[in-house]
Amino acid sequence: MATLSRGAHGKALEYYRRAAGHGDVLARLKADELLVRGTGTLQEAQAALADIERLAAMGLIDAIVVVGDLARTGVAGLVPADERAALASYLLAADKGSRTATLRAGEILISGLPANLDPARGVSMMLSVVEAGDASAYLALGDALLKAGSGNPSGAISPVEAFEKAGAGGISTAYLRLGDIYRDGAGVPVDGNRAAQYYMKAAGLDSPGDGTDGQ
């Protein structure tokens, strides 16, 4: 793994290291993740990965989520892609109260690899997060259901319903998804007029906001 151009990542790494030097464990974790994902040399990345694993073993929820993220995507030369391992980490962090982990575990259970599927459980987990009206979680749920297609569990909330709730919560991306659904006939009859209405709704929102991260 060669050292990548530092740029903005290098500035972030410098900031996180300074904060970590003052005892900020989350900043230490952020610095470690940047190094593992290519900001550092191979030696730095290996040391950072070991530190992430230590923090996770100590029970730091954010570190457990990062372990899951690294396993889900894989990192060449360091971490093999392993969705099952990622799911195990997410479920552990979800049990400890992580909203992020709950969403990511739900996504895998709904639309991941066949060996990891348990759509009903995944929907239940994601709905447990969105019951408080979390619009970004509805967006994540809709995306997972849309990806699963005909694999949706019987009686579960539909992608259209999830995106409607996300859109009503102020996320314009959800209306774009709905426009695409009706334009392409993804599980619904093709309806160009309805698609256009959703695209117009998306354009009329003041604050699109489509992030799903956070605890």
N, C-alpha and C. Protein backbone atom coordinates (compact mmCIF):
# COMPACT_ATOMS: atom_id res chain seq x y z
N MET A 1 0.86 -1.20 0.00
CA MET A 1 0.00 0.00 0.00
C MET A 1 0.88 1.24 0.00
N ALA A 2 0.88 1.99 -1.05
CA ALA A 2 1.68 3.19 -1.13
C ALA A 2 0.99 4.33 -0.40
N THR A 3 1.80 5.29 0.03
CA THR A 3 1.20 6.47 0.66
C THR A 3 0.44 7.27 -0.37
N LEU A 4 -0.81 7.60 -0.08
CA LEU A 4 -1.61 8.39 -1.00
C LEU A 4 -1.32 9.87 -0.80
N SER A 5 -1.68 10.67 -1.75
CA SER A 5 -1.56 12.11 -1.63
C SER A 5 -2.31 12.57 -0.39
N ARG A 6 -1.67 13.33 0.49
CA ARG A 6 -2.29 13.71 1.74
C ARG A 6 -3.47 14.64 1.53
N GLY A 7 -3.30 15.78 0.90
CA GLY A 7 -4.40 16.69 0.63
C GLY A 7 -5.30 16.89 1.82
N ALA A 8 -6.60 16.86 1.56
CA ALA A 8 -7.59 17.07 2.62
C ALA A 8 -7.53 15.96 3.65
N HIS A 9 -7.29 14.72 3.19
CA HIS A 9 -7.19 13.61 4.14
C HIS A 9 -6.01 13.81 5.08
N GLY A 10 -4.90 14.34 4.52
CA GLY A 10 -3.74 14.58 5.35
C GLY A 10 -4.01 15.63 6.42
N LYS A 11 -4.76 16.66 6.06
CA LYS A 11 -5.11 17.70 7.03
C LYS A 11 -6.02 17.13 8.11
N ALA A 12 -6.97 16.29 7.69
CA ALA A 12 -7.86 15.66 8.67
C ALA A 12 -7.07 14.76 9.60
N LEU A 13 -6.12 14.01 9.03
CA LEU A 13 -5.30 13.12 9.84
C LEU A 13 -4.51 13.91 10.87
N GLU A 14 -3.95 15.03 10.46
CA GLU A 14 -3.19 15.88 11.38
C GLU A 14 -4.08 16.38 12.52
N TYR A 15 -5.30 16.79 12.18
CA TYR A 15 -6.24 17.27 13.19
C TYR A 15 -6.59 16.15 14.17
N TYR A 16 -6.93 14.98 13.62
CA TYR A 16 -7.33 13.87 14.49
C TYR A 16 -6.17 13.45 15.40
N ARG A 17 -4.96 13.47 14.87
CA ARG A 17 -3.81 13.09 15.69
C ARG A 17 -3.59 14.08 16.83
N ARG A 18 -3.79 15.36 16.55
CA ARG A 18 -3.64 16.35 17.60
C ARG A 18 -4.69 16.13 18.70
N ALA A 19 -5.92 15.89 18.26
CA ALA A 19 -6.99 15.65 19.23
C ALA A 19 -6.74 14.36 20.00
N ALA A 20 -6.27 13.34 19.30
CA ALA A 20 -5.97 12.07 19.96
C ALA A 20 -4.88 12.24 21.00
N GLY A 21 -3.93 13.12 20.71
CA GLY A 21 -2.86 13.39 21.66
C GLY A 21 -3.34 14.02 22.95
N HIS A 22 -4.55 14.58 22.91
CA HIS A 22 -5.15 15.16 24.10
C HIS A 22 -6.18 14.20 24.73
N GLY A 23 -6.11 12.95 24.33
CA GLY A 23 -6.95 11.94 24.95
C GLY A 23 -8.29 11.68 24.30
N ASP A 24 -8.53 12.23 23.10
CA ASP A 24 -9.81 12.02 22.41
C ASP A 24 -9.77 10.67 21.70
N VAL A 25 -10.46 9.69 22.27
CA VAL A 25 -10.42 8.32 21.74
C VAL A 25 -11.08 8.24 20.37
N LEU A 26 -12.17 8.99 20.16
CA LEU A 26 -12.84 8.95 18.87
C LEU A 26 -11.97 9.55 17.78
N ALA A 27 -11.20 10.60 18.12
CA ALA A 27 -10.27 11.17 17.16
C ALA A 27 -9.17 10.16 16.82
N ARG A 28 -8.73 9.43 17.81
CA ARG A 28 -7.74 8.37 17.59
C ARG A 28 -8.29 7.33 16.63
N LEU A 29 -9.54 6.96 16.82
CA LEU A 29 -10.18 5.99 15.93
C LEU A 29 -10.28 6.53 14.51
N LYS A 30 -10.67 7.80 14.37
CA LYS A 30 -10.78 8.42 13.04
C LYS A 30 -9.42 8.42 12.34
N ALA A 31 -8.37 8.75 13.09
CA ALA A 31 -7.03 8.76 12.51
C ALA A 31 -6.64 7.36 12.05
N ASP A 32 -6.93 6.37 12.89
CA ASP A 32 -6.63 4.98 12.53
C ASP A 32 -7.33 4.58 11.24
N GLU A 33 -8.62 4.94 11.13
CA GLU A 33 -9.37 4.54 9.95
C GLU A 33 -8.81 5.19 8.69
N LEU A 34 -8.44 6.46 8.78
CA LEU A 34 -7.84 7.13 7.63
C LEU A 34 -6.56 6.43 7.19
N LEU A 35 -5.74 6.03 8.15
CA LEU A 35 -4.49 5.35 7.82
C LEU A 35 -4.75 4.00 7.16
N VAL A 36 -5.72 3.26 7.70
CA VAL A 36 -6.04 1.94 7.14
C VAL A 36 -6.58 2.07 5.71
N ARG A 37 -7.35 3.12 5.47
CA ARG A 37 -7.98 3.26 4.16
C ARG A 37 -7.09 3.93 3.11
N GLY A 38 -5.82 4.13 3.44
CA GLY A 38 -4.89 4.52 2.39
C GLY A 38 -4.15 5.82 2.58
N THR A 39 -4.39 6.53 3.68
CA THR A 39 -3.68 7.79 3.88
C THR A 39 -2.25 7.54 4.35
N GLY A 40 -2.00 6.38 4.96
CA GLY A 40 -0.67 6.09 5.49
C GLY A 40 0.06 5.02 4.69
N THR A 41 1.27 4.72 5.13
CA THR A 41 2.05 3.65 4.55
C THR A 41 1.47 2.31 5.01
N LEU A 42 1.96 1.23 4.43
CA LEU A 42 1.50 -0.10 4.83
C LEU A 42 1.79 -0.33 6.30
N GLN A 43 2.97 0.05 6.75
CA GLN A 43 3.32 -0.15 8.15
C GLN A 43 2.40 0.64 9.07
N GLU A 44 2.12 1.90 8.69
CA GLU A 44 1.21 2.72 9.49
C GLU A 44 -0.19 2.12 9.49
N ALA A 45 -0.62 1.62 8.33
CA ALA A 45 -1.95 1.04 8.22
C ALA A 45 -2.09 -0.21 9.08
N GLN A 46 -1.06 -1.04 9.10
CA GLN A 46 -1.10 -2.26 9.92
C GLN A 46 -1.19 -1.91 11.40
N ALA A 47 -0.41 -0.92 11.83
CA ALA A 47 -0.45 -0.50 13.23
C ALA A 47 -1.81 0.10 13.57
N ALA A 48 -2.37 0.88 12.65
CA ALA A 48 -3.67 1.49 12.88
C ALA A 48 -4.77 0.44 12.96
N LEU A 49 -4.70 -0.58 12.10
CA LEU A 49 -5.69 -1.65 12.13
C LEU A 49 -5.64 -2.38 13.47
N ALA A 50 -4.44 -2.66 13.95
CA ALA A 50 -4.31 -3.32 15.24
C ALA A 50 -4.90 -2.46 16.36
N ASP A 51 -4.73 -1.15 16.25
CA ASP A 51 -5.28 -0.25 17.27
C ASP A 51 -6.80 -0.24 17.22
N ILE A 52 -7.37 -0.24 16.01
CA ILE A 52 -8.84 -0.30 15.87
C ILE A 52 -9.37 -1.56 16.53
N GLU A 53 -8.70 -2.67 16.27
CA GLU A 53 -9.14 -3.95 16.84
C GLU A 53 -9.03 -3.94 18.36
N ARG A 54 -7.99 -3.28 18.89
CA ARG A 54 -7.86 -3.17 20.36
C ARG A 54 -9.02 -2.37 20.94
N LEU A 55 -9.33 -1.25 20.28
CA LEU A 55 -10.42 -0.40 20.77
C LEU A 55 -11.76 -1.15 20.71
N ALA A 56 -11.94 -1.93 19.66
CA ALA A 56 -13.18 -2.72 19.55
C ALA A 56 -13.25 -3.77 20.65
N ALA A 57 -12.11 -4.43 20.92
CA ALA A 57 -12.07 -5.45 21.96
C ALA A 57 -12.35 -4.85 23.34
N MET A 58 -12.03 -3.56 23.50
CA MET A 58 -12.31 -2.86 24.75
C MET A 58 -13.78 -2.47 24.88
N GLY A 59 -14.55 -2.67 23.80
CA GLY A 59 -15.98 -2.39 23.84
C GLY A 59 -16.39 -1.04 23.31
N LEU A 60 -15.47 -0.30 22.66
CA LEU A 60 -15.83 1.00 22.09
C LEU A 60 -16.76 0.76 20.90
N ILE A 61 -17.99 1.23 21.01
CA ILE A 61 -19.00 0.95 19.99
C ILE A 61 -18.57 1.45 18.61
N ASP A 62 -18.05 2.66 18.56
CA ASP A 62 -17.64 3.24 17.28
C ASP A 62 -16.57 2.38 16.61
N ALA A 63 -15.67 1.81 17.41
CA ALA A 63 -14.62 0.96 16.85
C ALA A 63 -15.20 -0.34 16.31
N ILE A 64 -16.19 -0.87 16.99
CA ILE A 64 -16.83 -2.10 16.51
C ILE A 64 -17.50 -1.84 15.16
N VAL A 65 -18.13 -0.66 15.02
CA VAL A 65 -18.74 -0.30 13.74
C VAL A 65 -17.68 -0.18 12.65
N VAL A 66 -16.55 0.44 12.97
CA VAL A 66 -15.48 0.58 11.98
C VAL A 66 -14.95 -0.79 11.56
N VAL A 67 -14.80 -1.70 12.50
CA VAL A 67 -14.38 -3.06 12.16
C VAL A 67 -15.36 -3.67 11.16
N GLY A 68 -16.65 -3.44 11.38
CA GLY A 68 -17.66 -3.92 10.44
C GLY A 68 -17.53 -3.26 9.09
N ASP A 69 -17.32 -1.94 9.08
CA ASP A 69 -17.18 -1.21 7.82
C ASP A 69 -16.00 -1.73 7.00
N LEU A 70 -14.88 -1.97 7.68
CA LEU A 70 -13.68 -2.44 6.98
C LEU A 70 -13.91 -3.84 6.40
N ALA A 71 -14.59 -4.69 7.17
CA ALA A 71 -14.88 -6.03 6.67
C ALA A 71 -15.88 -6.01 5.53
N ARG A 72 -16.81 -5.07 5.59
CA ARG A 72 -17.85 -5.02 4.54
C ARG A 72 -17.26 -4.64 3.19
N THR A 73 -16.35 -3.68 3.18
CA THR A 73 -15.77 -3.21 1.92
C THR A 73 -14.47 -3.93 1.59
N GLY A 74 -13.75 -4.35 2.63
CA GLY A 74 -12.42 -4.89 2.43
C GLY A 74 -11.42 -3.78 2.17
N VAL A 75 -10.18 -4.04 2.51
CA VAL A 75 -9.07 -3.11 2.23
C VAL A 75 -7.94 -3.94 1.66
N ALA A 76 -7.56 -3.66 0.43
CA ALA A 76 -6.56 -4.46 -0.27
C ALA A 76 -5.29 -4.61 0.56
N GLY A 77 -4.86 -5.86 0.73
CA GLY A 77 -3.62 -6.13 1.44
C GLY A 77 -3.73 -6.12 2.94
N LEU A 78 -4.91 -5.76 3.46
CA LEU A 78 -5.08 -5.66 4.91
C LEU A 78 -6.28 -6.42 5.44
N VAL A 79 -7.43 -6.15 4.87
CA VAL A 79 -8.68 -6.73 5.39
C VAL A 79 -9.45 -7.35 4.23
N PRO A 80 -9.68 -8.66 4.26
CA PRO A 80 -10.49 -9.27 3.19
C PRO A 80 -11.95 -8.88 3.32
N ALA A 81 -12.63 -8.67 2.20
CA ALA A 81 -14.06 -8.37 2.24
C ALA A 81 -14.80 -9.59 2.76
N ASP A 82 -15.60 -9.41 3.79
CA ASP A 82 -16.30 -10.52 4.42
C ASP A 82 -17.61 -9.98 5.01
N GLU A 83 -18.70 -10.11 4.24
CA GLU A 83 -19.97 -9.55 4.68
C GLU A 83 -20.48 -10.21 5.96
N ARG A 84 -20.22 -11.49 6.12
CA ARG A 84 -20.68 -12.18 7.33
C ARG A 84 -19.98 -11.61 8.57
N ALA A 85 -18.67 -11.37 8.45
CA ALA A 85 -17.94 -10.78 9.57
C ALA A 85 -18.44 -9.36 9.85
N ALA A 86 -18.71 -8.62 8.77
CA ALA A 86 -19.25 -7.27 8.93
C ALA A 86 -20.57 -7.31 9.68
N LEU A 87 -21.45 -8.23 9.28
CA LEU A 87 -22.75 -8.35 9.92
C LEU A 87 -22.61 -8.67 11.41
N ALA A 88 -21.67 -9.56 11.74
CA ALA A 88 -21.47 -9.92 13.14
C ALA A 88 -21.05 -8.69 13.95
N SER A 89 -20.18 -7.86 13.39
CA SER A 89 -19.75 -6.65 14.09
C SER A 89 -20.92 -5.67 14.24
N TYR A 90 -21.68 -5.51 13.17
CA TYR A 90 -22.82 -4.58 13.23
C TYR A 90 -23.85 -5.04 14.25
N LEU A 91 -24.13 -6.34 14.29
CA LEU A 91 -25.11 -6.84 15.25
C LEU A 91 -24.64 -6.63 16.68
N LEU A 92 -23.34 -6.80 16.91
CA LEU A 92 -22.79 -6.58 18.24
C LEU A 92 -22.94 -5.11 18.64
N ALA A 93 -22.59 -4.22 17.72
CA ALA A 93 -22.71 -2.79 18.01
C ALA A 93 -24.18 -2.37 18.14
N ALA A 94 -25.04 -2.98 17.34
CA ALA A 94 -26.47 -2.67 17.43
C ALA A 94 -27.02 -3.06 18.80
N ASP A 95 -26.59 -4.20 19.31
CA ASP A 95 -27.02 -4.63 20.64
C ASP A 95 -26.58 -3.65 21.72
N LYS A 96 -25.50 -2.90 21.43
CA LYS A 96 -25.00 -1.92 22.38
C LYS A 96 -25.63 -0.54 22.17
N GLY A 97 -26.56 -0.46 21.21
CA GLY A 97 -27.30 0.79 21.03
C GLY A 97 -26.90 1.65 19.86
N SER A 98 -26.06 1.15 18.95
CA SER A 98 -25.62 1.97 17.82
C SER A 98 -26.68 2.04 16.73
N ARG A 99 -27.13 3.24 16.44
CA ARG A 99 -28.08 3.46 15.35
C ARG A 99 -27.44 3.11 14.00
N THR A 100 -26.20 3.57 13.80
CA THR A 100 -25.50 3.29 12.55
C THR A 100 -25.41 1.79 12.30
N ALA A 101 -25.01 1.05 13.33
CA ALA A 101 -24.86 -0.40 13.18
C ALA A 101 -26.20 -1.07 12.92
N THR A 102 -27.25 -0.58 13.56
CA THR A 102 -28.58 -1.14 13.33
C THR A 102 -28.99 -1.00 11.88
N LEU A 103 -28.77 0.19 11.31
CA LEU A 103 -29.10 0.42 9.91
C LEU A 103 -28.28 -0.47 8.98
N ARG A 104 -26.99 -0.56 9.23
CA ARG A 104 -26.13 -1.33 8.34
C ARG A 104 -26.36 -2.82 8.44
N ALA A 105 -26.64 -3.30 9.65
CA ALA A 105 -27.01 -4.71 9.80
C ALA A 105 -28.31 -4.98 9.07
N GLY A 106 -29.28 -4.08 9.21
CA GLY A 106 -30.55 -4.25 8.52
C GLY A 106 -30.40 -4.30 7.02
N GLU A 107 -29.53 -3.43 6.48
CA GLU A 107 -29.30 -3.42 5.04
C GLU A 107 -28.78 -4.77 4.55
N ILE A 108 -27.83 -5.33 5.29
CA ILE A 108 -27.27 -6.64 4.90
C ILE A 108 -28.32 -7.73 4.99
N LEU A 109 -29.10 -7.72 6.07
CA LEU A 109 -30.11 -8.75 6.26
C LEU A 109 -31.21 -8.68 5.19
N ILE A 110 -31.48 -7.47 4.69
CA ILE A 110 -32.52 -7.30 3.67
C ILE A 110 -32.00 -7.56 2.27
N SER A 111 -30.80 -7.06 1.97
CA SER A 111 -30.36 -7.08 0.57
C SER A 111 -28.91 -7.50 0.38
N GLY A 112 -28.37 -8.23 1.35
CA GLY A 112 -26.98 -8.66 1.23
C GLY A 112 -26.83 -9.95 0.47
N LEU A 113 -25.74 -10.65 0.72
CA LEU A 113 -25.50 -11.94 0.07
C LEU A 113 -26.52 -12.97 0.55
N PRO A 114 -26.88 -13.92 -0.30
CA PRO A 114 -27.92 -14.90 0.06
C PRO A 114 -27.70 -15.57 1.42
N ALA A 115 -26.46 -15.91 1.74
CA ALA A 115 -26.19 -16.62 2.99
C ALA A 115 -26.50 -15.76 4.22
N ASN A 116 -26.57 -14.45 4.04
CA ASN A 116 -26.77 -13.55 5.18
C ASN A 116 -28.18 -12.99 5.27
N LEU A 117 -29.06 -13.42 4.38
CA LEU A 117 -30.39 -12.81 4.31
C LEU A 117 -31.33 -13.27 5.43
N ASP A 118 -31.99 -12.33 6.01
CA ASP A 118 -33.10 -12.54 6.95
C ASP A 118 -33.92 -11.26 6.85
N PRO A 119 -34.64 -11.09 5.72
CA PRO A 119 -35.31 -9.81 5.44
C PRO A 119 -36.25 -9.34 6.54
N ALA A 120 -37.04 -10.25 7.09
CA ALA A 120 -37.99 -9.84 8.12
C ALA A 120 -37.27 -9.24 9.33
N ARG A 121 -36.17 -9.86 9.72
CA ARG A 121 -35.39 -9.34 10.85
C ARG A 121 -34.77 -7.99 10.48
N GLY A 122 -34.27 -7.90 9.26
CA GLY A 122 -33.65 -6.65 8.82
C GLY A 122 -34.63 -5.49 8.83
N VAL A 123 -35.83 -5.73 8.30
CA VAL A 123 -36.86 -4.68 8.30
C VAL A 123 -37.23 -4.29 9.72
N SER A 124 -37.38 -5.29 10.57
CA SER A 124 -37.73 -5.03 11.97
C SER A 124 -36.67 -4.17 12.65
N MET A 125 -35.40 -4.50 12.39
CA MET A 125 -34.31 -3.72 12.99
C MET A 125 -34.34 -2.28 12.51
N MET A 126 -34.50 -2.09 11.20
CA MET A 126 -34.46 -0.73 10.65
C MET A 126 -35.68 0.07 11.09
N LEU A 127 -36.83 -0.58 11.18
CA LEU A 127 -38.03 0.11 11.64
C LEU A 127 -37.89 0.53 13.11
N SER A 128 -37.11 -0.23 13.88
CA SER A 128 -36.92 0.14 15.28
C SER A 128 -36.17 1.46 15.40
N VAL A 129 -35.40 1.80 14.38
CA VAL A 129 -34.67 3.07 14.37
C VAL A 129 -35.56 4.19 13.84
N VAL A 130 -36.38 3.89 12.84
CA VAL A 130 -37.15 4.95 12.20
C VAL A 130 -38.45 5.28 12.93
N GLU A 131 -38.81 4.51 13.93
CA GLU A 131 -40.07 4.78 14.63
C GLU A 131 -40.10 6.18 15.23
N ALA A 132 -38.92 6.73 15.50
CA ALA A 132 -38.87 8.08 16.07
C ALA A 132 -38.96 9.16 15.00
N GLY A 133 -39.24 8.74 13.75
CA GLY A 133 -39.38 9.70 12.67
C GLY A 133 -38.07 10.11 12.04
N ASP A 134 -37.08 9.23 12.09
CA ASP A 134 -35.77 9.51 11.53
C ASP A 134 -35.83 9.38 10.01
N ALA A 135 -35.88 10.51 9.32
CA ALA A 135 -36.06 10.51 7.87
C ALA A 135 -34.91 9.84 7.14
N SER A 136 -33.68 10.06 7.60
CA SER A 136 -32.54 9.46 6.91
C SER A 136 -32.55 7.94 7.04
N ALA A 137 -33.08 7.43 8.15
CA ALA A 137 -33.19 5.99 8.32
C ALA A 137 -34.25 5.42 7.38
N TYR A 138 -35.32 6.17 7.15
CA TYR A 138 -36.31 5.73 6.16
C TYR A 138 -35.69 5.65 4.77
N LEU A 139 -34.79 6.59 4.46
CA LEU A 139 -34.12 6.55 3.17
C LEU A 139 -33.27 5.29 3.05
N ALA A 140 -32.52 4.97 4.10
CA ALA A 140 -31.69 3.77 4.09
C ALA A 140 -32.55 2.51 3.97
N LEU A 141 -33.69 2.50 4.66
CA LEU A 141 -34.59 1.35 4.59
C LEU A 141 -35.15 1.21 3.18
N GLY A 142 -35.58 2.33 2.58
CA GLY A 142 -36.10 2.27 1.23
C GLY A 142 -35.07 1.76 0.24
N ASP A 143 -33.83 2.22 0.38
CA ASP A 143 -32.77 1.76 -0.51
C ASP A 143 -32.55 0.26 -0.39
N ALA A 144 -32.54 -0.24 0.86
CA ALA A 144 -32.33 -1.67 1.07
C ALA A 144 -33.48 -2.49 0.47
N LEU A 145 -34.71 -2.04 0.68
CA LEU A 145 -35.87 -2.74 0.14
C LEU A 145 -35.87 -2.70 -1.38
N LEU A 146 -35.49 -1.57 -1.95
CA LEU A 146 -35.46 -1.44 -3.40
C LEU A 146 -34.42 -2.37 -4.00
N LYS A 147 -33.28 -2.46 -3.36
CA LYS A 147 -32.23 -3.36 -3.83
C LYS A 147 -32.67 -4.81 -3.75
N ALA A 148 -33.42 -5.16 -2.68
CA ALA A 148 -33.88 -6.54 -2.51
C ALA A 148 -34.92 -6.92 -3.54
N GLY A 149 -35.68 -5.95 -4.05
CA GLY A 149 -36.68 -6.23 -5.08
C GLY A 149 -37.72 -7.22 -4.61
N SER A 150 -37.87 -8.32 -5.36
CA SER A 150 -38.90 -9.31 -5.05
C SER A 150 -38.61 -10.06 -3.77
N GLY A 151 -37.43 -9.85 -3.20
CA GLY A 151 -37.09 -10.52 -1.95
C GLY A 151 -37.67 -9.85 -0.73
N ASN A 152 -38.45 -8.79 -0.89
CA ASN A 152 -39.04 -8.12 0.26
C ASN A 152 -39.91 -9.08 1.06
N PRO A 153 -39.81 -9.05 2.39
CA PRO A 153 -40.65 -9.93 3.20
C PRO A 153 -42.12 -9.56 3.06
N SER A 154 -42.97 -10.55 3.06
CA SER A 154 -44.40 -10.32 2.89
C SER A 154 -44.94 -9.42 3.99
N GLY A 155 -45.68 -8.40 3.58
CA GLY A 155 -46.30 -7.51 4.55
C GLY A 155 -45.42 -6.41 5.06
N ALA A 156 -44.16 -6.38 4.62
CA ALA A 156 -43.25 -5.34 5.11
C ALA A 156 -43.56 -4.01 4.44
N ILE A 157 -43.05 -2.95 5.00
CA ILE A 157 -43.17 -1.63 4.40
C ILE A 157 -42.55 -1.68 3.00
N SER A 158 -43.15 -1.00 2.06
CA SER A 158 -42.64 -1.01 0.69
C SER A 158 -41.61 0.09 0.50
N PRO A 159 -40.76 -0.03 -0.54
CA PRO A 159 -39.82 1.06 -0.82
C PRO A 159 -40.53 2.40 -1.02
N VAL A 160 -41.68 2.38 -1.72
CA VAL A 160 -42.41 3.62 -1.96
C VAL A 160 -42.82 4.26 -0.64
N GLU A 161 -43.35 3.45 0.28
CA GLU A 161 -43.77 3.99 1.58
C GLU A 161 -42.59 4.55 2.36
N ALA A 162 -41.47 3.84 2.32
CA ALA A 162 -40.29 4.30 3.06
C ALA A 162 -39.77 5.61 2.48
N PHE A 163 -39.72 5.70 1.14
CA PHE A 163 -39.23 6.93 0.51
C PHE A 163 -40.19 8.09 0.72
N GLU A 164 -41.49 7.81 0.76
CA GLU A 164 -42.47 8.86 1.03
C GLU A 164 -42.21 9.47 2.42
N LYS A 165 -41.96 8.61 3.41
CA LYS A 165 -41.71 9.10 4.76
C LYS A 165 -40.40 9.88 4.82
N ALA A 166 -39.39 9.41 4.10
CA ALA A 166 -38.12 10.13 4.08
C ALA A 166 -38.28 11.49 3.40
N GLY A 167 -39.03 11.51 2.30
CA GLY A 167 -39.27 12.77 1.61
C GLY A 167 -40.04 13.75 2.46
N ALA A 168 -41.05 13.24 3.16
CA ALA A 168 -41.84 14.10 4.04
C ALA A 168 -40.99 14.67 5.17
N GLY A 169 -39.89 13.96 5.49
CA GLY A 169 -38.98 14.42 6.53
C GLY A 169 -37.94 15.41 6.02
N GLY A 170 -38.00 15.75 4.72
CA GLY A 170 -37.12 16.78 4.18
C GLY A 170 -35.96 16.29 3.36
N ILE A 171 -35.95 15.00 2.98
CA ILE A 171 -34.82 14.46 2.21
C ILE A 171 -35.20 14.39 0.73
N SER A 172 -34.67 15.30 -0.05
CA SER A 172 -35.04 15.36 -1.46
C SER A 172 -34.61 14.12 -2.23
N THR A 173 -33.53 13.49 -1.78
CA THR A 173 -33.06 12.26 -2.44
C THR A 173 -34.16 11.22 -2.50
N ALA A 174 -35.00 11.17 -1.46
CA ALA A 174 -36.09 10.19 -1.43
C ALA A 174 -37.07 10.44 -2.57
N TYR A 175 -37.36 11.71 -2.87
CA TYR A 175 -38.26 12.01 -3.98
C TYR A 175 -37.62 11.69 -5.33
N LEU A 176 -36.31 11.84 -5.41
CA LEU A 176 -35.61 11.43 -6.63
C LEU A 176 -35.75 9.93 -6.83
N ARG A 177 -35.59 9.17 -5.73
CA ARG A 177 -35.76 7.71 -5.81
C ARG A 177 -37.17 7.37 -6.30
N LEU A 178 -38.16 8.06 -5.75
CA LEU A 178 -39.55 7.79 -6.14
C LEU A 178 -39.78 8.14 -7.61
N GLY A 179 -39.18 9.23 -8.05
CA GLY A 179 -39.28 9.56 -9.46
C GLY A 179 -38.71 8.47 -10.33
N ASP A 180 -37.57 7.94 -9.94
CA ASP A 180 -36.94 6.86 -10.71
C ASP A 180 -37.80 5.60 -10.70
N ILE A 181 -38.39 5.31 -9.53
CA ILE A 181 -39.23 4.11 -9.41
C ILE A 181 -40.39 4.16 -10.40
N TYR A 182 -41.07 5.31 -10.45
CA TYR A 182 -42.23 5.42 -11.34
C TYR A 182 -41.81 5.62 -12.80
N ARG A 183 -40.65 6.18 -13.02
CA ARG A 183 -40.15 6.32 -14.39
C ARG A 183 -39.83 4.94 -14.98
N ASP A 184 -39.20 4.08 -14.14
CA ASP A 184 -38.73 2.78 -14.61
C ASP A 184 -39.72 1.64 -14.37
N GLY A 185 -40.76 1.90 -13.57
CA GLY A 185 -41.70 0.83 -13.24
C GLY A 185 -41.06 -0.22 -12.34
N ALA A 186 -40.30 0.22 -11.34
CA ALA A 186 -39.62 -0.70 -10.42
C ALA A 186 -40.58 -1.15 -9.33
N GLY A 187 -41.35 -2.21 -9.62
CA GLY A 187 -42.32 -2.72 -8.65
C GLY A 187 -43.64 -2.00 -8.67
N VAL A 188 -43.79 -1.01 -9.54
CA VAL A 188 -45.04 -0.26 -9.70
C VAL A 188 -45.26 -0.05 -11.19
N PRO A 189 -46.50 0.27 -11.61
CA PRO A 189 -46.72 0.58 -13.03
C PRO A 189 -45.95 1.83 -13.44
N VAL A 190 -45.43 1.83 -14.65
CA VAL A 190 -44.75 3.02 -15.16
C VAL A 190 -45.75 4.18 -15.19
N ASP A 191 -45.34 5.32 -14.66
CA ASP A 191 -46.21 6.49 -14.59
C ASP A 191 -45.34 7.73 -14.73
N GLY A 192 -45.20 8.22 -15.95
CA GLY A 192 -44.35 9.37 -16.21
C GLY A 192 -44.80 10.62 -15.50
N ASN A 193 -46.10 10.82 -15.41
CA ASN A 193 -46.61 12.02 -14.75
C ASN A 193 -46.26 12.01 -13.26
N ARG A 194 -46.44 10.85 -12.66
CA ARG A 194 -46.13 10.76 -11.23
C ARG A 194 -44.64 10.91 -11.00
N ALA A 195 -43.84 10.33 -11.90
CA ALA A 195 -42.40 10.48 -11.79
C ALA A 195 -42.02 11.96 -11.84
N ALA A 196 -42.61 12.68 -12.77
CA ALA A 196 -42.31 14.10 -12.91
C ALA A 196 -42.70 14.88 -11.66
N GLN A 197 -43.81 14.50 -11.04
CA GLN A 197 -44.25 15.18 -9.82
C GLN A 197 -43.23 15.00 -8.69
N TYR A 198 -42.69 13.78 -8.60
CA TYR A 198 -41.70 13.53 -7.55
C TYR A 198 -40.41 14.29 -7.83
N TYR A 199 -40.01 14.35 -9.09
CA TYR A 199 -38.81 15.12 -9.42
C TYR A 199 -39.00 16.59 -9.07
N MET A 200 -40.20 17.10 -9.31
CA MET A 200 -40.48 18.49 -8.97
C MET A 200 -40.45 18.70 -7.46
N LYS A 201 -40.96 17.73 -6.72
CA LYS A 201 -40.91 17.83 -5.26
C LYS A 201 -39.47 17.88 -4.78
N ALA A 202 -38.63 17.04 -5.40
CA ALA A 202 -37.22 17.02 -5.01
C ALA A 202 -36.58 18.38 -5.27
N ALA A 203 -36.88 18.98 -6.38
CA ALA A 203 -36.29 20.27 -6.72
C ALA A 203 -36.78 21.38 -5.82
N GLY A 204 -37.98 21.22 -5.23
CA GLY A 204 -38.56 22.27 -4.42
C GLY A 204 -38.17 22.25 -2.96
N LEU A 205 -37.45 21.21 -2.52
CA LEU A 205 -37.06 21.16 -1.12
C LEU A 205 -35.87 22.05 -0.85
N ASP A 206 -35.89 22.73 0.30
CA ASP A 206 -34.80 23.65 0.63
C ASP A 206 -33.55 22.93 1.13
N SER A 207 -33.75 21.88 1.93
CA SER A 207 -32.61 21.18 2.54
C SER A 207 -32.66 19.71 2.16
N PRO A 208 -31.92 19.31 1.10
CA PRO A 208 -31.97 17.92 0.66
C PRO A 208 -31.50 16.96 1.75
N GLY A 209 -30.24 17.09 2.20
CA GLY A 209 -29.69 16.26 3.26
C GLY A 209 -29.97 14.79 3.09
N ASP A 210 -28.95 13.99 2.77
CA ASP A 210 -29.20 12.57 2.58
C ASP A 210 -28.21 11.71 3.33
N GLY A 211 -27.61 12.18 4.40
CA GLY A 211 -26.67 11.36 5.14
C GLY A 211 -27.38 10.36 6.02
N THR A 212 -26.69 9.17 6.36
CA THR A 212 -27.27 8.16 7.23
C THR A 212 -26.32 7.77 8.35
N ASP A 213 -25.25 8.53 8.48
CA ASP A 213 -24.30 8.13 9.49
C ASP A 213 -24.66 8.79 10.82
N GLY A 214 -24.00 8.33 11.79
CA GLY A 214 -24.16 8.90 13.12
C GLY A 214 -24.65 7.86 14.09
N GLN A 215 -24.47 8.11 15.36
CA GLN A 215 -24.90 7.16 16.38
C GLN A 215 -26.27 7.54 16.92
